[in-house]
Amino acid sequence: MKRIVVFCGASLGFNPIYKEAAIALGNHFAENKIGLVYGGGKIGMMGAIADTILAHNGEVIGVIPKLLEKEEVVHAGVEEMIVCKKMSDRKVIMSKLIDGYITLPGGFGTLDELFEALTLGQLYIEQKPIGLLNINGYFDAILLQLDKMIEEGFLKKNNRDMLIIGTSVEELMQKMNNYKAPKISHVINKVVS
């Protein structure tokens, strides 16, 4: 993979383990010459991963909506900063630049981005790997909710299985590199054709 978008928080959270994970992922990207596409912020988890990659002279592309383009938010050290009109535009632009998705701990915006990526995969609009770095069990409750959705008939297991989960950077990246996208459903294929 040449470029991966990382969805993560504009906060660091209370436990330093989350920042450490962002730094570890940034180091992995730099060492393996993987470019980062992210939300363009200098604060929180976003700032931690961008700073790490920039310190190694790696590729960092920020995509930020105009409403967030404020001095206290936008990362001035990122040379390639794409400013878009709306939050929805940001996700489309990011999708066109990348080969895969990774989600780190974050809030509503992070979950919105993760579930949009999963929906694109479910609908066969994209077939890119979608990774979740489940540090410190941060996403355990969400994973239980996905299992409940399967149990109650609102989610198919093969769609749940699109989400690649790792508890370390090494485990997650290995799984993402070995990812095989599901075959397009005959139902979807007929609609698309």
N, C-alpha and C. Protein backbone atom coordinates (compact mmCIF):
# COMPACT_ATOMS: atom_id res chain seq x y z
N MET A 1 0.84 -1.18 0.00
CA MET A 1 0.00 0.00 0.00
C MET A 1 0.89 1.25 0.00
N LYS A 2 0.56 2.16 -0.88
CA LYS A 2 1.35 3.40 -0.98
C LYS A 2 0.88 4.46 0.00
N ARG A 3 -0.44 4.59 0.13
CA ARG A 3 -1.02 5.59 1.04
C ARG A 3 -2.19 4.99 1.79
N ILE A 4 -2.28 5.39 3.06
CA ILE A 4 -3.39 4.95 3.91
C ILE A 4 -3.95 6.17 4.62
N VAL A 5 -5.27 6.25 4.67
CA VAL A 5 -5.89 7.30 5.47
C VAL A 5 -6.01 6.78 6.90
N VAL A 6 -5.71 7.64 7.85
CA VAL A 6 -5.87 7.30 9.25
C VAL A 6 -6.92 8.23 9.84
N PHE A 7 -7.99 7.62 10.35
CA PHE A 7 -9.04 8.35 11.06
C PHE A 7 -8.71 8.27 12.55
N CYS A 8 -8.69 9.41 13.21
CA CYS A 8 -8.38 9.41 14.64
C CYS A 8 -8.81 10.74 15.26
N GLY A 9 -8.70 10.81 16.57
CA GLY A 9 -9.22 11.95 17.31
C GLY A 9 -8.37 13.20 17.26
N ALA A 10 -9.02 14.34 17.48
CA ALA A 10 -8.34 15.61 17.66
C ALA A 10 -8.00 15.81 19.14
N SER A 11 -8.19 14.74 19.91
CA SER A 11 -7.81 14.71 21.31
C SER A 11 -6.85 13.54 21.49
N LEU A 12 -6.10 13.55 22.59
CA LEU A 12 -5.19 12.44 22.89
C LEU A 12 -5.81 11.44 23.85
N GLY A 13 -6.97 11.77 24.42
CA GLY A 13 -7.55 10.90 25.43
C GLY A 13 -6.78 11.04 26.74
N PHE A 14 -7.18 10.27 27.73
CA PHE A 14 -6.57 10.38 29.07
C PHE A 14 -5.40 9.42 29.26
N ASN A 15 -5.36 8.34 28.50
CA ASN A 15 -4.32 7.34 28.68
C ASN A 15 -3.22 7.54 27.63
N PRO A 16 -1.95 7.68 28.05
CA PRO A 16 -0.86 7.90 27.10
C PRO A 16 -0.66 6.77 26.09
N ILE A 17 -1.28 5.62 26.34
CA ILE A 17 -1.13 4.48 25.42
C ILE A 17 -1.67 4.80 24.03
N TYR A 18 -2.65 5.70 23.96
CA TYR A 18 -3.24 6.04 22.66
C TYR A 18 -2.26 6.87 21.81
N LYS A 19 -1.62 7.84 22.43
CA LYS A 19 -0.61 8.62 21.71
C LYS A 19 0.55 7.73 21.29
N GLU A 20 0.95 6.81 22.15
CA GLU A 20 2.02 5.88 21.83
C GLU A 20 1.66 5.04 20.60
N ALA A 21 0.40 4.65 20.49
CA ALA A 21 -0.05 3.87 19.33
C ALA A 21 0.02 4.70 18.06
N ALA A 22 -0.39 5.98 18.14
CA ALA A 22 -0.31 6.86 16.97
C ALA A 22 1.14 7.03 16.52
N ILE A 23 2.03 7.17 17.48
CA ILE A 23 3.46 7.31 17.15
C ILE A 23 4.00 6.02 16.54
N ALA A 24 3.62 4.88 17.11
CA ALA A 24 4.06 3.58 16.58
C ALA A 24 3.58 3.39 15.14
N LEU A 25 2.34 3.76 14.87
CA LEU A 25 1.82 3.64 13.51
C LEU A 25 2.56 4.60 12.58
N GLY A 26 2.81 5.82 13.04
CA GLY A 26 3.56 6.78 12.24
C GLY A 26 4.96 6.28 11.92
N ASN A 27 5.62 5.67 12.90
CA ASN A 27 6.95 5.10 12.66
C ASN A 27 6.89 3.98 11.63
N HIS A 28 5.86 3.14 11.72
CA HIS A 28 5.70 2.05 10.75
C HIS A 28 5.51 2.62 9.34
N PHE A 29 4.67 3.62 9.21
CA PHE A 29 4.46 4.26 7.90
C PHE A 29 5.78 4.80 7.36
N ALA A 30 6.53 5.53 8.19
CA ALA A 30 7.78 6.14 7.75
C ALA A 30 8.78 5.07 7.32
N GLU A 31 8.93 4.02 8.13
CA GLU A 31 9.89 2.95 7.84
C GLU A 31 9.52 2.19 6.57
N ASN A 32 8.24 2.08 6.26
CA ASN A 32 7.78 1.32 5.11
C ASN A 32 7.36 2.20 3.93
N LYS A 33 7.69 3.48 4.02
CA LYS A 33 7.40 4.44 2.95
C LYS A 33 5.92 4.44 2.55
N ILE A 34 5.06 4.42 3.57
CA ILE A 34 3.62 4.53 3.35
C ILE A 34 3.23 5.97 3.63
N GLY A 35 2.57 6.60 2.69
CA GLY A 35 2.12 7.98 2.87
C GLY A 35 0.88 8.03 3.75
N LEU A 36 0.79 9.10 4.54
CA LEU A 36 -0.37 9.33 5.40
C LEU A 36 -1.31 10.35 4.77
N VAL A 37 -2.57 10.00 4.73
CA VAL A 37 -3.63 10.96 4.42
C VAL A 37 -4.46 11.04 5.70
N TYR A 38 -4.74 12.26 6.15
CA TYR A 38 -5.45 12.41 7.42
C TYR A 38 -6.18 13.74 7.45
N GLY A 39 -6.82 14.04 8.58
CA GLY A 39 -7.69 15.20 8.70
C GLY A 39 -7.03 16.57 8.76
N GLY A 40 -5.71 16.63 8.72
CA GLY A 40 -5.02 17.91 8.60
C GLY A 40 -4.75 18.64 9.90
N GLY A 41 -5.07 18.04 11.04
CA GLY A 41 -4.91 18.73 12.32
C GLY A 41 -3.52 18.60 12.92
N LYS A 42 -3.19 19.56 13.79
CA LYS A 42 -1.91 19.51 14.51
C LYS A 42 -2.11 19.06 15.95
N ILE A 43 -3.35 18.83 16.32
CA ILE A 43 -3.66 18.51 17.72
C ILE A 43 -4.09 17.05 17.87
N GLY A 44 -4.01 16.54 19.08
CA GLY A 44 -4.49 15.21 19.41
C GLY A 44 -3.77 14.09 18.70
N MET A 45 -4.49 13.01 18.47
CA MET A 45 -3.94 11.84 17.79
C MET A 45 -3.49 12.20 16.37
N MET A 46 -4.26 13.09 15.73
CA MET A 46 -3.89 13.52 14.38
C MET A 46 -2.51 14.16 14.37
N GLY A 47 -2.28 15.06 15.30
CA GLY A 47 -0.98 15.72 15.38
C GLY A 47 0.14 14.75 15.70
N ALA A 48 -0.12 13.79 16.58
CA ALA A 48 0.91 12.82 16.98
C ALA A 48 1.40 11.99 15.80
N ILE A 49 0.46 11.48 15.00
CA ILE A 49 0.89 10.65 13.87
C ILE A 49 1.54 11.49 12.77
N ALA A 50 0.99 12.67 12.50
CA ALA A 50 1.58 13.53 11.46
C ALA A 50 2.98 13.98 11.86
N ASP A 51 3.15 14.40 13.10
CA ASP A 51 4.47 14.84 13.57
C ASP A 51 5.50 13.73 13.46
N THR A 52 5.11 12.52 13.78
CA THR A 52 6.02 11.37 13.72
C THR A 52 6.50 11.14 12.29
N ILE A 53 5.58 11.14 11.36
CA ILE A 53 5.95 10.89 9.96
C ILE A 53 6.75 12.05 9.39
N LEU A 54 6.36 13.28 9.72
CA LEU A 54 7.11 14.45 9.24
C LEU A 54 8.54 14.46 9.77
N ALA A 55 8.74 13.98 11.01
CA ALA A 55 10.08 13.93 11.60
C ALA A 55 11.00 12.98 10.82
N HIS A 56 10.40 12.04 10.09
CA HIS A 56 11.16 11.08 9.26
C HIS A 56 11.13 11.48 7.78
N ASN A 57 10.67 12.70 7.50
CA ASN A 57 10.55 13.19 6.11
C ASN A 57 9.63 12.32 5.26
N GLY A 58 8.61 11.74 5.88
CA GLY A 58 7.65 10.95 5.14
C GLY A 58 6.56 11.80 4.53
N GLU A 59 5.74 11.17 3.69
CA GLU A 59 4.66 11.88 3.00
C GLU A 59 3.45 12.03 3.91
N VAL A 60 2.97 13.25 4.03
CA VAL A 60 1.77 13.54 4.80
C VAL A 60 0.89 14.48 3.98
N ILE A 61 -0.34 14.06 3.76
CA ILE A 61 -1.33 14.88 3.04
C ILE A 61 -2.49 15.13 3.99
N GLY A 62 -2.79 16.39 4.25
CA GLY A 62 -3.93 16.75 5.07
C GLY A 62 -5.11 17.14 4.22
N VAL A 63 -6.30 16.77 4.67
CA VAL A 63 -7.54 17.17 3.99
C VAL A 63 -8.43 17.76 5.06
N ILE A 64 -8.68 19.06 4.96
CA ILE A 64 -9.41 19.74 6.03
C ILE A 64 -10.53 20.62 5.46
N PRO A 65 -11.71 20.56 6.05
CA PRO A 65 -12.79 21.43 5.59
C PRO A 65 -12.50 22.89 5.98
N LYS A 66 -12.98 23.79 5.18
CA LYS A 66 -12.76 25.23 5.39
C LYS A 66 -13.14 25.66 6.81
N LEU A 67 -14.23 25.11 7.35
CA LEU A 67 -14.69 25.54 8.67
C LEU A 67 -13.71 25.18 9.79
N LEU A 68 -12.81 24.21 9.55
CA LEU A 68 -11.81 23.83 10.55
C LEU A 68 -10.43 24.42 10.28
N GLU A 69 -10.33 25.16 9.19
CA GLU A 69 -9.03 25.73 8.81
C GLU A 69 -8.71 26.94 9.70
N LYS A 70 -8.38 26.66 10.95
CA LYS A 70 -8.06 27.69 11.93
C LYS A 70 -6.65 27.45 12.41
N GLU A 71 -5.98 28.51 12.81
CA GLU A 71 -4.58 28.41 13.22
C GLU A 71 -4.37 27.41 14.35
N GLU A 72 -5.32 27.34 15.27
CA GLU A 72 -5.13 26.44 16.41
C GLU A 72 -5.41 24.97 16.06
N VAL A 73 -5.91 24.70 14.85
CA VAL A 73 -6.24 23.33 14.45
C VAL A 73 -5.33 22.82 13.34
N VAL A 74 -5.20 23.58 12.26
CA VAL A 74 -4.51 23.11 11.06
C VAL A 74 -3.01 22.98 11.30
N HIS A 75 -2.43 21.92 10.74
CA HIS A 75 -1.00 21.62 10.91
C HIS A 75 -0.19 22.42 9.89
N ALA A 76 0.52 23.43 10.35
CA ALA A 76 1.30 24.29 9.46
C ALA A 76 2.50 23.57 8.85
N GLY A 77 2.94 22.47 9.45
CA GLY A 77 4.09 21.74 8.95
C GLY A 77 3.79 20.80 7.79
N VAL A 78 2.52 20.62 7.47
CA VAL A 78 2.14 19.73 6.37
C VAL A 78 2.14 20.55 5.09
N GLU A 79 3.01 20.16 4.16
CA GLU A 79 3.14 20.92 2.91
C GLU A 79 1.93 20.77 2.00
N GLU A 80 1.39 19.55 1.92
CA GLU A 80 0.24 19.33 1.05
C GLU A 80 -1.04 19.29 1.88
N MET A 81 -1.69 20.44 1.94
CA MET A 81 -2.93 20.57 2.71
C MET A 81 -4.04 20.90 1.72
N ILE A 82 -5.00 20.01 1.60
CA ILE A 82 -6.14 20.21 0.70
C ILE A 82 -7.29 20.77 1.54
N VAL A 83 -7.76 21.94 1.17
CA VAL A 83 -8.88 22.56 1.88
C VAL A 83 -10.13 22.36 1.02
N CYS A 84 -11.16 21.77 1.63
CA CYS A 84 -12.39 21.50 0.91
C CYS A 84 -13.54 22.27 1.54
N LYS A 85 -14.69 22.27 0.87
CA LYS A 85 -15.84 23.04 1.35
C LYS A 85 -16.52 22.41 2.55
N LYS A 86 -16.81 21.09 2.46
CA LYS A 86 -17.65 20.45 3.48
C LYS A 86 -16.98 19.20 4.02
N MET A 87 -17.49 18.74 5.18
CA MET A 87 -17.00 17.50 5.79
C MET A 87 -17.20 16.32 4.84
N SER A 88 -18.32 16.29 4.14
CA SER A 88 -18.58 15.17 3.23
C SER A 88 -17.60 15.17 2.06
N ASP A 89 -17.18 16.34 1.60
CA ASP A 89 -16.19 16.44 0.53
C ASP A 89 -14.86 15.83 0.97
N ARG A 90 -14.52 16.04 2.23
CA ARG A 90 -13.25 15.55 2.78
C ARG A 90 -13.12 14.04 2.59
N LYS A 91 -14.20 13.31 2.89
CA LYS A 91 -14.14 11.85 2.80
C LYS A 91 -13.98 11.38 1.36
N VAL A 92 -14.64 12.06 0.42
CA VAL A 92 -14.52 11.70 -0.99
C VAL A 92 -13.09 11.93 -1.47
N ILE A 93 -12.53 13.07 -1.12
CA ILE A 93 -11.15 13.40 -1.53
C ILE A 93 -10.18 12.37 -0.94
N MET A 94 -10.33 12.09 0.34
CA MET A 94 -9.44 11.11 0.98
C MET A 94 -9.51 9.76 0.27
N SER A 95 -10.72 9.31 -0.03
CA SER A 95 -10.93 8.01 -0.66
C SER A 95 -10.20 7.90 -1.99
N LYS A 96 -10.14 8.98 -2.73
CA LYS A 96 -9.48 8.97 -4.04
C LYS A 96 -7.96 8.92 -3.93
N LEU A 97 -7.42 9.25 -2.77
CA LEU A 97 -5.97 9.33 -2.60
C LEU A 97 -5.33 8.07 -2.02
N ILE A 98 -6.13 7.13 -1.53
CA ILE A 98 -5.57 6.08 -0.67
C ILE A 98 -5.84 4.65 -1.17
N ASP A 99 -5.09 3.73 -0.55
CA ASP A 99 -5.22 2.30 -0.85
C ASP A 99 -5.86 1.53 0.31
N GLY A 100 -6.05 2.19 1.46
CA GLY A 100 -6.62 1.52 2.61
C GLY A 100 -6.96 2.50 3.71
N TYR A 101 -7.69 2.01 4.71
CA TYR A 101 -8.16 2.82 5.83
C TYR A 101 -7.68 2.20 7.15
N ILE A 102 -7.30 3.05 8.09
CA ILE A 102 -7.03 2.61 9.46
C ILE A 102 -7.72 3.58 10.41
N THR A 103 -8.34 3.02 11.44
CA THR A 103 -8.99 3.84 12.46
C THR A 103 -8.29 3.63 13.79
N LEU A 104 -7.92 4.75 14.41
CA LEU A 104 -7.37 4.79 15.77
C LEU A 104 -8.45 5.37 16.68
N PRO A 105 -8.25 5.34 17.99
CA PRO A 105 -9.23 5.93 18.89
C PRO A 105 -9.57 7.39 18.54
N GLY A 106 -10.83 7.73 18.72
CA GLY A 106 -11.33 9.07 18.45
C GLY A 106 -12.78 9.16 18.89
N GLY A 107 -13.46 10.19 18.45
CA GLY A 107 -14.83 10.44 18.85
C GLY A 107 -15.82 10.24 17.72
N PHE A 108 -16.87 11.07 17.71
CA PHE A 108 -17.94 10.95 16.71
C PHE A 108 -17.41 11.01 15.28
N GLY A 109 -16.55 11.99 14.99
CA GLY A 109 -16.03 12.14 13.63
C GLY A 109 -15.28 10.91 13.17
N THR A 110 -14.50 10.33 14.06
CA THR A 110 -13.72 9.13 13.75
C THR A 110 -14.66 7.97 13.43
N LEU A 111 -15.69 7.79 14.24
CA LEU A 111 -16.64 6.70 14.00
C LEU A 111 -17.43 6.93 12.71
N ASP A 112 -17.79 8.17 12.44
CA ASP A 112 -18.48 8.51 11.20
C ASP A 112 -17.63 8.09 10.00
N GLU A 113 -16.36 8.40 10.04
CA GLU A 113 -15.47 8.07 8.92
C GLU A 113 -15.30 6.57 8.78
N LEU A 114 -15.13 5.86 9.90
CA LEU A 114 -15.00 4.40 9.87
C LEU A 114 -16.23 3.76 9.26
N PHE A 115 -17.42 4.16 9.73
CA PHE A 115 -18.63 3.50 9.25
C PHE A 115 -18.95 3.87 7.80
N GLU A 116 -18.53 5.03 7.36
CA GLU A 116 -18.71 5.35 5.94
C GLU A 116 -17.83 4.44 5.09
N ALA A 117 -16.59 4.23 5.52
CA ALA A 117 -15.69 3.34 4.78
C ALA A 117 -16.27 1.92 4.73
N LEU A 118 -16.80 1.45 5.85
CA LEU A 118 -17.40 0.11 5.88
C LEU A 118 -18.63 0.03 4.97
N THR A 119 -19.41 1.09 4.94
CA THR A 119 -20.59 1.11 4.07
C THR A 119 -20.18 1.07 2.60
N LEU A 120 -19.12 1.80 2.24
CA LEU A 120 -18.62 1.76 0.86
C LEU A 120 -18.18 0.35 0.49
N GLY A 121 -17.56 -0.35 1.43
CA GLY A 121 -17.16 -1.73 1.19
C GLY A 121 -18.36 -2.66 1.09
N GLN A 122 -19.32 -2.47 1.96
CA GLN A 122 -20.53 -3.31 1.96
C GLN A 122 -21.28 -3.19 0.64
N LEU A 123 -21.28 -2.00 0.07
CA LEU A 123 -21.98 -1.75 -1.19
C LEU A 123 -21.10 -2.00 -2.41
N TYR A 124 -19.88 -2.49 -2.19
CA TYR A 124 -18.92 -2.78 -3.25
C TYR A 124 -18.55 -1.55 -4.06
N ILE A 125 -18.68 -0.39 -3.47
CA ILE A 125 -18.24 0.84 -4.13
C ILE A 125 -16.72 0.90 -4.06
N GLU A 126 -16.16 0.39 -2.97
CA GLU A 126 -14.72 0.28 -2.80
C GLU A 126 -14.40 -1.12 -2.30
N GLN A 127 -13.16 -1.53 -2.51
CA GLN A 127 -12.71 -2.84 -2.02
C GLN A 127 -11.36 -2.70 -1.33
N LYS A 128 -11.20 -1.63 -0.61
CA LYS A 128 -9.94 -1.36 0.09
C LYS A 128 -9.99 -1.95 1.50
N PRO A 129 -8.84 -2.37 2.02
CA PRO A 129 -8.83 -2.88 3.39
C PRO A 129 -9.17 -1.79 4.40
N ILE A 130 -9.93 -2.18 5.43
CA ILE A 130 -10.38 -1.25 6.47
C ILE A 130 -9.92 -1.80 7.81
N GLY A 131 -8.92 -1.15 8.40
CA GLY A 131 -8.33 -1.64 9.63
C GLY A 131 -8.76 -0.85 10.86
N LEU A 132 -8.78 -1.55 11.98
CA LEU A 132 -9.13 -0.95 13.26
C LEU A 132 -8.03 -1.33 14.25
N LEU A 133 -7.30 -0.33 14.75
CA LEU A 133 -6.26 -0.58 15.74
C LEU A 133 -6.91 -0.49 17.12
N ASN A 134 -7.22 -1.66 17.67
CA ASN A 134 -8.00 -1.73 18.91
C ASN A 134 -7.06 -1.71 20.12
N ILE A 135 -6.49 -0.56 20.37
CA ILE A 135 -5.56 -0.37 21.47
C ILE A 135 -6.32 -0.32 22.79
N ASN A 136 -5.83 -1.07 23.77
CA ASN A 136 -6.37 -1.00 25.13
C ASN A 136 -7.87 -1.36 25.18
N GLY A 137 -8.32 -2.14 24.20
CA GLY A 137 -9.74 -2.52 24.15
C GLY A 137 -10.68 -1.36 23.85
N TYR A 138 -10.13 -0.28 23.28
CA TYR A 138 -10.93 0.93 23.06
C TYR A 138 -12.22 0.66 22.28
N PHE A 139 -12.14 -0.20 21.27
CA PHE A 139 -13.29 -0.45 20.40
C PHE A 139 -14.08 -1.70 20.78
N ASP A 140 -13.79 -2.33 21.92
CA ASP A 140 -14.47 -3.58 22.29
C ASP A 140 -15.99 -3.46 22.29
N ALA A 141 -16.52 -2.39 22.84
CA ALA A 141 -17.98 -2.23 22.92
C ALA A 141 -18.60 -2.09 21.53
N ILE A 142 -17.90 -1.41 20.63
CA ILE A 142 -18.40 -1.26 19.26
C ILE A 142 -18.39 -2.61 18.55
N LEU A 143 -17.35 -3.40 18.78
CA LEU A 143 -17.28 -4.72 18.16
C LEU A 143 -18.40 -5.62 18.69
N LEU A 144 -18.72 -5.50 19.97
CA LEU A 144 -19.86 -6.24 20.53
C LEU A 144 -21.17 -5.79 19.88
N GLN A 145 -21.30 -4.50 19.62
CA GLN A 145 -22.50 -3.99 18.95
C GLN A 145 -22.62 -4.57 17.54
N LEU A 146 -21.50 -4.67 16.84
CA LEU A 146 -21.55 -5.27 15.50
C LEU A 146 -22.01 -6.72 15.58
N ASP A 147 -21.53 -7.45 16.59
CA ASP A 147 -21.97 -8.84 16.78
C ASP A 147 -23.47 -8.90 17.08
N LYS A 148 -23.96 -7.95 17.86
CA LYS A 148 -25.40 -7.87 18.17
C LYS A 148 -26.20 -7.60 16.89
N MET A 149 -25.67 -6.77 16.02
CA MET A 149 -26.35 -6.47 14.76
C MET A 149 -26.47 -7.72 13.89
N ILE A 150 -25.44 -8.57 13.91
CA ILE A 150 -25.51 -9.85 13.19
C ILE A 150 -26.56 -10.74 13.83
N GLU A 151 -26.49 -10.85 15.15
CA GLU A 151 -27.42 -11.70 15.91
C GLU A 151 -28.88 -11.32 15.66
N GLU A 152 -29.14 -10.03 15.50
CA GLU A 152 -30.52 -9.55 15.32
C GLU A 152 -30.92 -9.42 13.84
N GLY A 153 -30.01 -9.79 12.93
CA GLY A 153 -30.36 -9.81 11.51
C GLY A 153 -30.24 -8.48 10.78
N PHE A 154 -29.46 -7.56 11.32
CA PHE A 154 -29.30 -6.26 10.66
C PHE A 154 -27.95 -6.11 9.94
N LEU A 155 -27.08 -7.08 10.11
CA LEU A 155 -25.75 -7.03 9.49
C LEU A 155 -25.36 -8.45 9.12
N LYS A 156 -24.80 -8.62 7.94
CA LYS A 156 -24.33 -9.94 7.51
C LYS A 156 -22.91 -10.15 8.03
N LYS A 157 -22.61 -11.39 8.40
CA LYS A 157 -21.31 -11.71 8.95
C LYS A 157 -20.18 -11.37 7.98
N ASN A 158 -20.39 -11.62 6.67
CA ASN A 158 -19.33 -11.32 5.71
C ASN A 158 -19.05 -9.81 5.64
N ASN A 159 -20.05 -8.98 5.92
CA ASN A 159 -19.81 -7.53 5.97
C ASN A 159 -19.07 -7.16 7.25
N ARG A 160 -19.41 -7.79 8.36
CA ARG A 160 -18.68 -7.58 9.62
C ARG A 160 -17.22 -7.98 9.45
N ASP A 161 -16.99 -9.05 8.69
CA ASP A 161 -15.64 -9.57 8.50
C ASP A 161 -14.76 -8.67 7.63
N MET A 162 -15.35 -7.67 6.99
CA MET A 162 -14.53 -6.70 6.23
C MET A 162 -13.64 -5.90 7.17
N LEU A 163 -14.05 -5.73 8.41
CA LEU A 163 -13.30 -4.93 9.37
C LEU A 163 -12.12 -5.75 9.89
N ILE A 164 -10.93 -5.28 9.59
CA ILE A 164 -9.69 -5.96 9.97
C ILE A 164 -9.25 -5.40 11.32
N ILE A 165 -9.11 -6.28 12.30
CA ILE A 165 -8.84 -5.82 13.66
C ILE A 165 -7.48 -6.31 14.12
N GLY A 166 -6.71 -5.38 14.69
CA GLY A 166 -5.42 -5.73 15.28
C GLY A 166 -5.25 -4.97 16.59
N THR A 167 -4.51 -5.59 17.52
CA THR A 167 -4.24 -4.92 18.79
C THR A 167 -2.83 -4.34 18.83
N SER A 168 -2.06 -4.56 17.77
CA SER A 168 -0.74 -3.94 17.63
C SER A 168 -0.59 -3.48 16.18
N VAL A 169 0.32 -2.55 15.96
CA VAL A 169 0.56 -2.05 14.61
C VAL A 169 1.00 -3.20 13.69
N GLU A 170 1.91 -4.03 14.18
CA GLU A 170 2.45 -5.13 13.37
C GLU A 170 1.35 -6.10 12.96
N GLU A 171 0.52 -6.50 13.93
CA GLU A 171 -0.56 -7.43 13.63
C GLU A 171 -1.54 -6.83 12.61
N LEU A 172 -1.92 -5.59 12.82
CA LEU A 172 -2.88 -4.95 11.93
C LEU A 172 -2.32 -4.83 10.51
N MET A 173 -1.09 -4.36 10.39
CA MET A 173 -0.51 -4.15 9.06
C MET A 173 -0.33 -5.48 8.32
N GLN A 174 0.04 -6.53 9.02
CA GLN A 174 0.17 -7.84 8.39
C GLN A 174 -1.19 -8.30 7.85
N LYS A 175 -2.23 -8.15 8.65
CA LYS A 175 -3.57 -8.55 8.21
C LYS A 175 -4.03 -7.69 7.03
N MET A 176 -3.74 -6.40 7.07
CA MET A 176 -4.17 -5.52 5.97
C MET A 176 -3.43 -5.86 4.68
N ASN A 177 -2.15 -6.17 4.79
CA ASN A 177 -1.38 -6.53 3.60
C ASN A 177 -1.85 -7.84 2.98
N ASN A 178 -2.47 -8.72 3.77
CA ASN A 178 -2.96 -10.01 3.27
C ASN A 178 -4.45 -9.98 2.93
N TYR A 179 -5.08 -8.83 3.02
CA TYR A 179 -6.53 -8.71 2.83
C TYR A 179 -6.95 -9.04 1.40
N LYS A 180 -8.00 -9.84 1.29
CA LYS A 180 -8.63 -10.14 0.00
C LYS A 180 -10.06 -9.63 0.08
N ALA A 181 -10.40 -8.73 -0.80
CA ALA A 181 -11.75 -8.15 -0.80
C ALA A 181 -12.78 -9.22 -1.16
N PRO A 182 -13.98 -9.13 -0.55
CA PRO A 182 -15.04 -10.10 -0.90
C PRO A 182 -15.45 -9.94 -2.36
N LYS A 183 -15.89 -11.06 -2.94
CA LYS A 183 -16.36 -11.01 -4.33
C LYS A 183 -17.67 -10.25 -4.39
N ILE A 184 -17.87 -9.57 -5.49
CA ILE A 184 -19.09 -8.78 -5.66
C ILE A 184 -20.29 -9.70 -5.74
N SER A 185 -21.30 -9.36 -4.97
CA SER A 185 -22.55 -10.13 -4.94
C SER A 185 -23.22 -10.07 -6.30
N HIS A 186 -23.86 -11.17 -6.68
CA HIS A 186 -24.59 -11.20 -7.96
C HIS A 186 -25.72 -10.16 -7.96
N VAL A 187 -26.33 -9.95 -6.81
CA VAL A 187 -27.42 -8.96 -6.69
C VAL A 187 -26.86 -7.57 -6.98
N ILE A 188 -25.75 -7.22 -6.32
CA ILE A 188 -25.13 -5.91 -6.54
C ILE A 188 -24.65 -5.79 -7.97
N ASN A 189 -24.06 -6.85 -8.50
CA ASN A 189 -23.52 -6.83 -9.85
C ASN A 189 -24.61 -6.52 -10.87
N LYS A 190 -25.80 -7.07 -10.69
CA LYS A 190 -26.90 -6.81 -11.61
C LYS A 190 -27.37 -5.37 -11.52
N VAL A 191 -27.37 -4.83 -10.32
CA VAL A 191 -27.79 -3.44 -10.14
C VAL A 191 -26.77 -2.50 -10.76
N VAL A 192 -25.47 -2.81 -10.60
CA VAL A 192 -24.40 -1.95 -11.10
C VAL A 192 -24.34 -1.99 -12.60
N SER A 193 -24.59 -3.17 -13.22
CA SER A 193 -24.43 -3.36 -14.66
C SER A 193 -25.38 -2.55 -15.49
